[in-house]
PDB file of all heavy atoms in Angstrom:
ATOM      1  N   TYR A   1       0.808  -1.221   0.000  1.00  0.00           N
ATOM      2  CA  TYR A   1       0.002  -0.003  -0.002  1.00  0.00           C
ATOM      3  C   TYR A   1       0.840   1.268   0.001  1.00  0.00           C
ATOM      4  O   TYR A   1       0.382   2.314  -0.450  1.00  0.00           O
ATOM      5  CB  TYR A   1      -0.960   0.016   1.190  1.00  0.00           C
ATOM      6  CG  TYR A   1      -2.080  -0.973   1.030  1.00  0.00           C
ATOM      7  CD1 TYR A   1      -2.123  -2.144   1.778  1.00  0.00           C
ATOM      8  CD2 TYR A   1      -3.106  -0.750   0.117  1.00  0.00           C
ATOM      9  CE1 TYR A   1      -3.141  -3.066   1.629  1.00  0.00           C
ATOM     10  CE2 TYR A   1      -4.131  -1.659  -0.057  1.00  0.00           C
ATOM     11  CZ  TYR A   1      -4.139  -2.815   0.706  1.00  0.00           C
ATOM     12  OH  TYR A   1      -5.148  -3.713   0.539  1.00  0.00           O
ATOM     13  N   THR A   2       2.048   1.226   0.508  1.00  0.00           N
ATOM     14  CA  THR A   2       2.874   2.431   0.557  1.00  0.00           C
ATOM     15  C   THR A   2       3.914   2.506  -0.554  1.00  0.00           C
ATOM     16  O   THR A   2       4.782   3.367  -0.527  1.00  0.00           O
ATOM     17  CB  THR A   2       3.560   2.522   1.930  1.00  0.00           C
ATOM     18  OG1 THR A   2       4.439   1.410   2.085  1.00  0.00           O
ATOM     19  CG2 THR A   2       2.552   2.593   3.064  1.00  0.00           C
ATOM     20  N   HIS A   3       3.851   1.613  -1.520  1.00  0.00           N
ATOM     21  CA  HIS A   3       4.855   1.553  -2.591  1.00  0.00           C
ATOM     22  C   HIS A   3       4.987   2.895  -3.329  1.00  0.00           C
ATOM     23  O   HIS A   3       6.093   3.374  -3.571  1.00  0.00           O
ATOM     24  CB  HIS A   3       4.514   0.446  -3.584  1.00  0.00           C
ATOM     25  CG  HIS A   3       5.453   0.342  -4.731  1.00  0.00           C
ATOM     26  ND1 HIS A   3       6.780   0.010  -4.585  1.00  0.00           N
ATOM     27  CD2 HIS A   3       5.273   0.572  -6.055  1.00  0.00           C
ATOM     28  CE1 HIS A   3       7.372   0.019  -5.771  1.00  0.00           C
ATOM     29  NE2 HIS A   3       6.482   0.364  -6.670  1.00  0.00           N
ATOM     30  N   LEU A   4       3.867   3.509  -3.667  1.00  0.00           N
ATOM     31  CA  LEU A   4       3.897   4.777  -4.392  1.00  0.00           C
ATOM     32  C   LEU A   4       4.674   5.827  -3.600  1.00  0.00           C
ATOM     33  O   LEU A   4       5.591   6.462  -4.120  1.00  0.00           O
ATOM     34  CB  LEU A   4       2.483   5.273  -4.679  1.00  0.00           C
ATOM     35  CG  LEU A   4       2.371   6.617  -5.393  1.00  0.00           C
ATOM     36  CD1 LEU A   4       2.844   6.492  -6.823  1.00  0.00           C
ATOM     37  CD2 LEU A   4       0.956   7.121  -5.343  1.00  0.00           C
ATOM     38  N   HIS A   5       4.331   5.991  -2.329  1.00  0.00           N
ATOM     39  CA  HIS A   5       4.980   7.027  -1.521  1.00  0.00           C
ATOM     40  C   HIS A   5       6.385   6.646  -1.081  1.00  0.00           C
ATOM     41  O   HIS A   5       7.232   7.538  -0.922  1.00  0.00           O
ATOM     42  CB  HIS A   5       4.107   7.348  -0.296  1.00  0.00           C
ATOM     43  CG  HIS A   5       2.821   8.010  -0.666  1.00  0.00           C
ATOM     44  ND1 HIS A   5       2.753   9.327  -1.021  1.00  0.00           N
ATOM     45  CD2 HIS A   5       1.569   7.526  -0.779  1.00  0.00           C
ATOM     46  CE1 HIS A   5       1.504   9.635  -1.318  1.00  0.00           C
ATOM     47  NE2 HIS A   5       0.763   8.570  -1.189  1.00  0.00           N
ATOM     48  N   ASP A   6       6.640   5.387  -0.899  1.00  0.00           N
ATOM     49  CA  ASP A   6       7.969   4.961  -0.442  1.00  0.00           C
ATOM     50  C   ASP A   6       8.990   4.866  -1.562  1.00  0.00           C
ATOM     51  O   ASP A   6      10.190   5.081  -1.324  1.00  0.00           O
ATOM     52  CB  ASP A   6       7.889   3.601   0.255  1.00  0.00           C
ATOM     53  CG  ASP A   6       7.177   3.672   1.585  1.00  0.00           C
ATOM     54  OD1 ASP A   6       6.951   4.789   2.095  1.00  0.00           O
ATOM     55  OD2 ASP A   6       6.825   2.595   2.116  1.00  0.00           O
ATOM     56  N   HIS A   7       8.562   4.525  -2.787  1.00  0.00           N
ATOM     57  CA  HIS A   7       9.496   4.243  -3.867  1.00  0.00           C
ATOM     58  C   HIS A   7       9.317   5.083  -5.117  1.00  0.00           C
ATOM     59  O   HIS A   7      10.264   5.631  -5.647  1.00  0.00           O
ATOM     60  CB  HIS A   7       9.440   2.758  -4.234  1.00  0.00           C
ATOM     61  CG  HIS A   7       9.772   1.870  -3.080  1.00  0.00           C
ATOM     62  ND1 HIS A   7       8.810   1.184  -2.385  1.00  0.00           N
ATOM     63  CD2 HIS A   7      10.954   1.594  -2.479  1.00  0.00           C
ATOM     64  CE1 HIS A   7       9.383   0.499  -1.408  1.00  0.00           C
ATOM     65  NE2 HIS A   7      10.686   0.732  -1.432  1.00  0.00           N
ATOM     66  N   VAL A   8       8.083   5.180  -5.589  1.00  0.00           N
ATOM     67  CA  VAL A   8       7.842   5.846  -6.870  1.00  0.00           C
ATOM     68  C   VAL A   8       8.059   7.355  -6.763  1.00  0.00           C
ATOM     69  O   VAL A   8       8.778   7.932  -7.585  1.00  0.00           O
ATOM     70  CB  VAL A   8       6.426   5.530  -7.403  1.00  0.00           C
ATOM     71  CG1 VAL A   8       6.134   6.299  -8.673  1.00  0.00           C
ATOM     72  CG2 VAL A   8       6.285   4.023  -7.635  1.00  0.00           C
ATOM     73  N   LEU A   9       7.449   7.995  -5.784  1.00  0.00           N
ATOM     74  CA  LEU A   9       7.593   9.464  -5.675  1.00  0.00           C
ATOM     75  C   LEU A   9       9.035   9.888  -5.431  1.00  0.00           C
ATOM     76  O   LEU A   9       9.504  10.823  -6.090  1.00  0.00           O
ATOM     77  CB  LEU A   9       6.645   9.996  -4.595  1.00  0.00           C
ATOM     78  CG  LEU A   9       5.152   9.817  -4.886  1.00  0.00           C
ATOM     79  CD1 LEU A   9       4.314  10.369  -3.745  1.00  0.00           C
ATOM     80  CD2 LEU A   9       4.753  10.379  -6.217  1.00  0.00           C
ATOM     81  N   PRO A  10       9.777   9.243  -4.530  1.00  0.00           N
ATOM     82  CA  PRO A  10      11.194   9.621  -4.384  1.00  0.00           C
ATOM     83  C   PRO A  10      11.988   9.417  -5.671  1.00  0.00           C
ATOM     84  O   PRO A  10      12.862  10.228  -6.008  1.00  0.00           O
ATOM     85  CB  PRO A  10      11.703   8.711  -3.276  1.00  0.00           C
ATOM     86  CG  PRO A  10      10.502   8.384  -2.471  1.00  0.00           C
ATOM     87  CD  PRO A  10       9.383   8.297  -3.469  1.00  0.00           C
ATOM     88  N   ALA A  11      11.687   8.371  -6.433  1.00  0.00           N
ATOM     89  CA  ALA A  11      12.388   8.142  -7.695  1.00  0.00           C
ATOM     90  C   ALA A  11      12.072   9.245  -8.699  1.00  0.00           C
ATOM     91  O   ALA A  11      12.944   9.694  -9.436  1.00  0.00           O
ATOM     92  CB  ALA A  11      12.030   6.767  -8.267  1.00  0.00           C
ATOM     93  N   LEU A  12      10.829   9.681  -8.736  1.00  0.00           N
ATOM     94  CA  LEU A  12      10.451  10.776  -9.634  1.00  0.00           C
ATOM     95  C   LEU A  12      11.170  12.077  -9.237  1.00  0.00           C
ATOM     96  O   LEU A  12      11.682  12.792 -10.104  1.00  0.00           O
ATOM     97  CB  LEU A  12       8.936  10.991  -9.621  1.00  0.00           C
ATOM     98  CG  LEU A  12       8.115   9.920 -10.318  1.00  0.00           C
ATOM     99  CD1 LEU A  12       6.624  10.136 -10.053  1.00  0.00           C
ATOM    100  CD2 LEU A  12       8.392   9.914 -11.811  1.00  0.00           C
ATOM    101  N   LEU A  13      11.223  12.356  -7.952  1.00  0.00           N
ATOM    102  CA  LEU A  13      11.926  13.556  -7.478  1.00  0.00           C
ATOM    103  C   LEU A  13      13.406  13.495  -7.858  1.00  0.00           C
ATOM    104  O   LEU A  13      13.988  14.479  -8.313  1.00  0.00           O
ATOM    105  CB  LEU A  13      11.750  13.724  -5.975  1.00  0.00           C
ATOM    106  CG  LEU A  13      10.358  14.155  -5.528  1.00  0.00           C
ATOM    107  CD1 LEU A  13      10.220  14.006  -4.013  1.00  0.00           C
ATOM    108  CD2 LEU A  13      10.063  15.585  -5.955  1.00  0.00           C
ATOM    109  N   GLN A  14      14.007  12.329  -7.668  1.00  0.00           N
ATOM    110  CA  GLN A  14      15.416  12.183  -7.988  1.00  0.00           C
ATOM    111  C   GLN A  14      15.655  12.298  -9.502  1.00  0.00           C
ATOM    112  O   GLN A  14      16.709  12.749  -9.927  1.00  0.00           O
ATOM    113  CB  GLN A  14      15.948  10.848  -7.489  1.00  0.00           C
ATOM    114  CG  GLN A  14      17.445  10.727  -7.613  1.00  0.00           C
ATOM    115  CD  GLN A  14      18.003   9.627  -6.756  1.00  0.00           C
ATOM    116  OE1 GLN A  14      17.269   8.903  -6.082  1.00  0.00           O
ATOM    117  NE2 GLN A  14      19.313   9.469  -6.779  1.00  0.00           N
ATOM    118  N   ALA A  15      14.669  11.936 -10.291  1.00  0.00           N
ATOM    119  CA  ALA A  15      14.795  12.014 -11.747  1.00  0.00           C
ATOM    120  C   ALA A  15      14.557  13.427 -12.269  1.00  0.00           C
ATOM    121  O   ALA A  15      14.677  13.654 -13.470  1.00  0.00           O
ATOM    122  CB  ALA A  15      13.824  11.041 -12.408  1.00  0.00           C
ATOM    123  N   GLY A  16      14.198  14.357 -11.379  1.00  0.00           N
ATOM    124  CA  GLY A  16      14.052  15.732 -11.807  1.00  0.00           C
ATOM    125  C   GLY A  16      12.637  16.275 -11.824  1.00  0.00           C
ATOM    126  O   GLY A  16      12.423  17.435 -12.181  1.00  0.00           O
ATOM    127  N   VAL A  17      11.659  15.460 -11.475  1.00  0.00           N
ATOM    128  CA  VAL A  17      10.289  15.952 -11.384  1.00  0.00           C
ATOM    129  C   VAL A  17      10.217  16.848 -10.145  1.00  0.00           C
ATOM    130  O   VAL A  17      10.716  16.475  -9.091  1.00  0.00           O
ATOM    131  CB  VAL A  17       9.285  14.788 -11.272  1.00  0.00           C
ATOM    132  CG1 VAL A  17       7.870  15.294 -11.071  1.00  0.00           C
ATOM    133  CG2 VAL A  17       9.371  13.895 -12.511  1.00  0.00           C
ATOM    134  N   THR A  18       9.624  18.016 -10.282  1.00  0.00           N
ATOM    135  CA  THR A  18       9.560  18.934  -9.144  1.00  0.00           C
ATOM    136  C   THR A  18       8.393  18.598  -8.230  1.00  0.00           C
ATOM    137  O   THR A  18       7.445  17.922  -8.631  1.00  0.00           O
ATOM    138  CB  THR A  18       9.405  20.393  -9.622  1.00  0.00           C
ATOM    139  OG1 THR A  18       8.121  20.535 -10.245  1.00  0.00           O
ATOM    140  CG2 THR A  18      10.507  20.799 -10.602  1.00  0.00           C
ATOM    141  N   GLN A  19       8.488  19.102  -7.012  1.00  0.00           N
ATOM    142  CA  GLN A  19       7.389  18.902  -6.065  1.00  0.00           C
ATOM    143  C   GLN A  19       6.116  19.564  -6.586  1.00  0.00           C
ATOM    144  O   GLN A  19       5.021  19.033  -6.427  1.00  0.00           O
ATOM    145  CB  GLN A  19       7.745  19.452  -4.690  1.00  0.00           C
ATOM    146  CG  GLN A  19       6.696  19.175  -3.631  1.00  0.00           C
ATOM    147  CD  GLN A  19       6.485  17.688  -3.371  1.00  0.00           C
ATOM    148  OE1 GLN A  19       7.442  16.942  -3.177  1.00  0.00           O
ATOM    149  NE2 GLN A  19       5.245  17.247  -3.389  1.00  0.00           N
ATOM    150  N   ALA A  20       6.264  20.707  -7.233  1.00  0.00           N
ATOM    151  CA  ALA A  20       5.094  21.387  -7.805  1.00  0.00           C
ATOM    152  C   ALA A  20       4.437  20.511  -8.879  1.00  0.00           C
ATOM    153  O   ALA A  20       3.198  20.466  -8.975  1.00  0.00           O
ATOM    154  CB  ALA A  20       5.505  22.736  -8.396  1.00  0.00           C
ATOM    155  N   GLN A  21       5.228  19.824  -9.684  1.00  0.00           N
ATOM    156  CA  GLN A  21       4.658  18.937 -10.706  1.00  0.00           C
ATOM    157  C   GLN A  21       3.946  17.752 -10.056  1.00  0.00           C
ATOM    158  O   GLN A  21       2.881  17.340 -10.515  1.00  0.00           O
ATOM    159  CB  GLN A  21       5.761  18.461 -11.652  1.00  0.00           C
ATOM    160  CG  GLN A  21       6.290  19.547 -12.549  1.00  0.00           C
ATOM    161  CD  GLN A  21       7.543  19.143 -13.294  1.00  0.00           C
ATOM    162  OE1 GLN A  21       8.429  18.460 -12.744  1.00  0.00           O
ATOM    163  NE2 GLN A  21       7.627  19.552 -14.557  1.00  0.00           N
ATOM    164  N   LEU A  22       4.521  17.206  -9.007  1.00  0.00           N
ATOM    165  CA  LEU A  22       3.867  16.113  -8.292  1.00  0.00           C
ATOM    166  C   LEU A  22       2.556  16.599  -7.669  1.00  0.00           C
ATOM    167  O   LEU A  22       1.551  15.888  -7.718  1.00  0.00           O
ATOM    168  CB  LEU A  22       4.777  15.546  -7.206  1.00  0.00           C
ATOM    169  CG  LEU A  22       5.974  14.734  -7.677  1.00  0.00           C
ATOM    170  CD1 LEU A  22       6.809  14.303  -6.490  1.00  0.00           C
ATOM    171  CD2 LEU A  22       5.551  13.543  -8.504  1.00  0.00           C
ATOM    172  N   ASP A  23       2.568  17.791  -7.116  1.00  0.00           N
ATOM    173  CA  ASP A  23       1.337  18.341  -6.539  1.00  0.00           C
ATOM    174  C   ASP A  23       0.263  18.500  -7.604  1.00  0.00           C
ATOM    175  O   ASP A  23      -0.902  18.226  -7.352  1.00  0.00           O
ATOM    176  CB  ASP A  23       1.611  19.687  -5.876  1.00  0.00           C
ATOM    177  CG  ASP A  23       2.446  19.576  -4.615  1.00  0.00           C
ATOM    178  OD1 ASP A  23       2.553  18.458  -4.073  1.00  0.00           O
ATOM    179  OD2 ASP A  23       2.989  20.610  -4.177  1.00  0.00           O
ATOM    180  N   THR A  24       0.657  18.916  -8.792  1.00  0.00           N
ATOM    181  CA  THR A  24      -0.294  19.040  -9.893  1.00  0.00           C
ATOM    182  C   THR A  24      -0.884  17.680 -10.239  1.00  0.00           C
ATOM    183  O   THR A  24      -2.107  17.538 -10.393  1.00  0.00           O
ATOM    184  CB  THR A  24       0.375  19.649 -11.140  1.00  0.00           C
ATOM    185  OG1 THR A  24       0.807  20.981 -10.813  1.00  0.00           O
ATOM    186  CG2 THR A  24      -0.571  19.712 -12.320  1.00  0.00           C
TER     187      THR A  24
END
């Protein structure tokens, strides 16, 4: 259940996706 928040979102941030883009 926490895979998205534990793994996917940090990987996106590290790849250059901004927090503002994630919020969108």
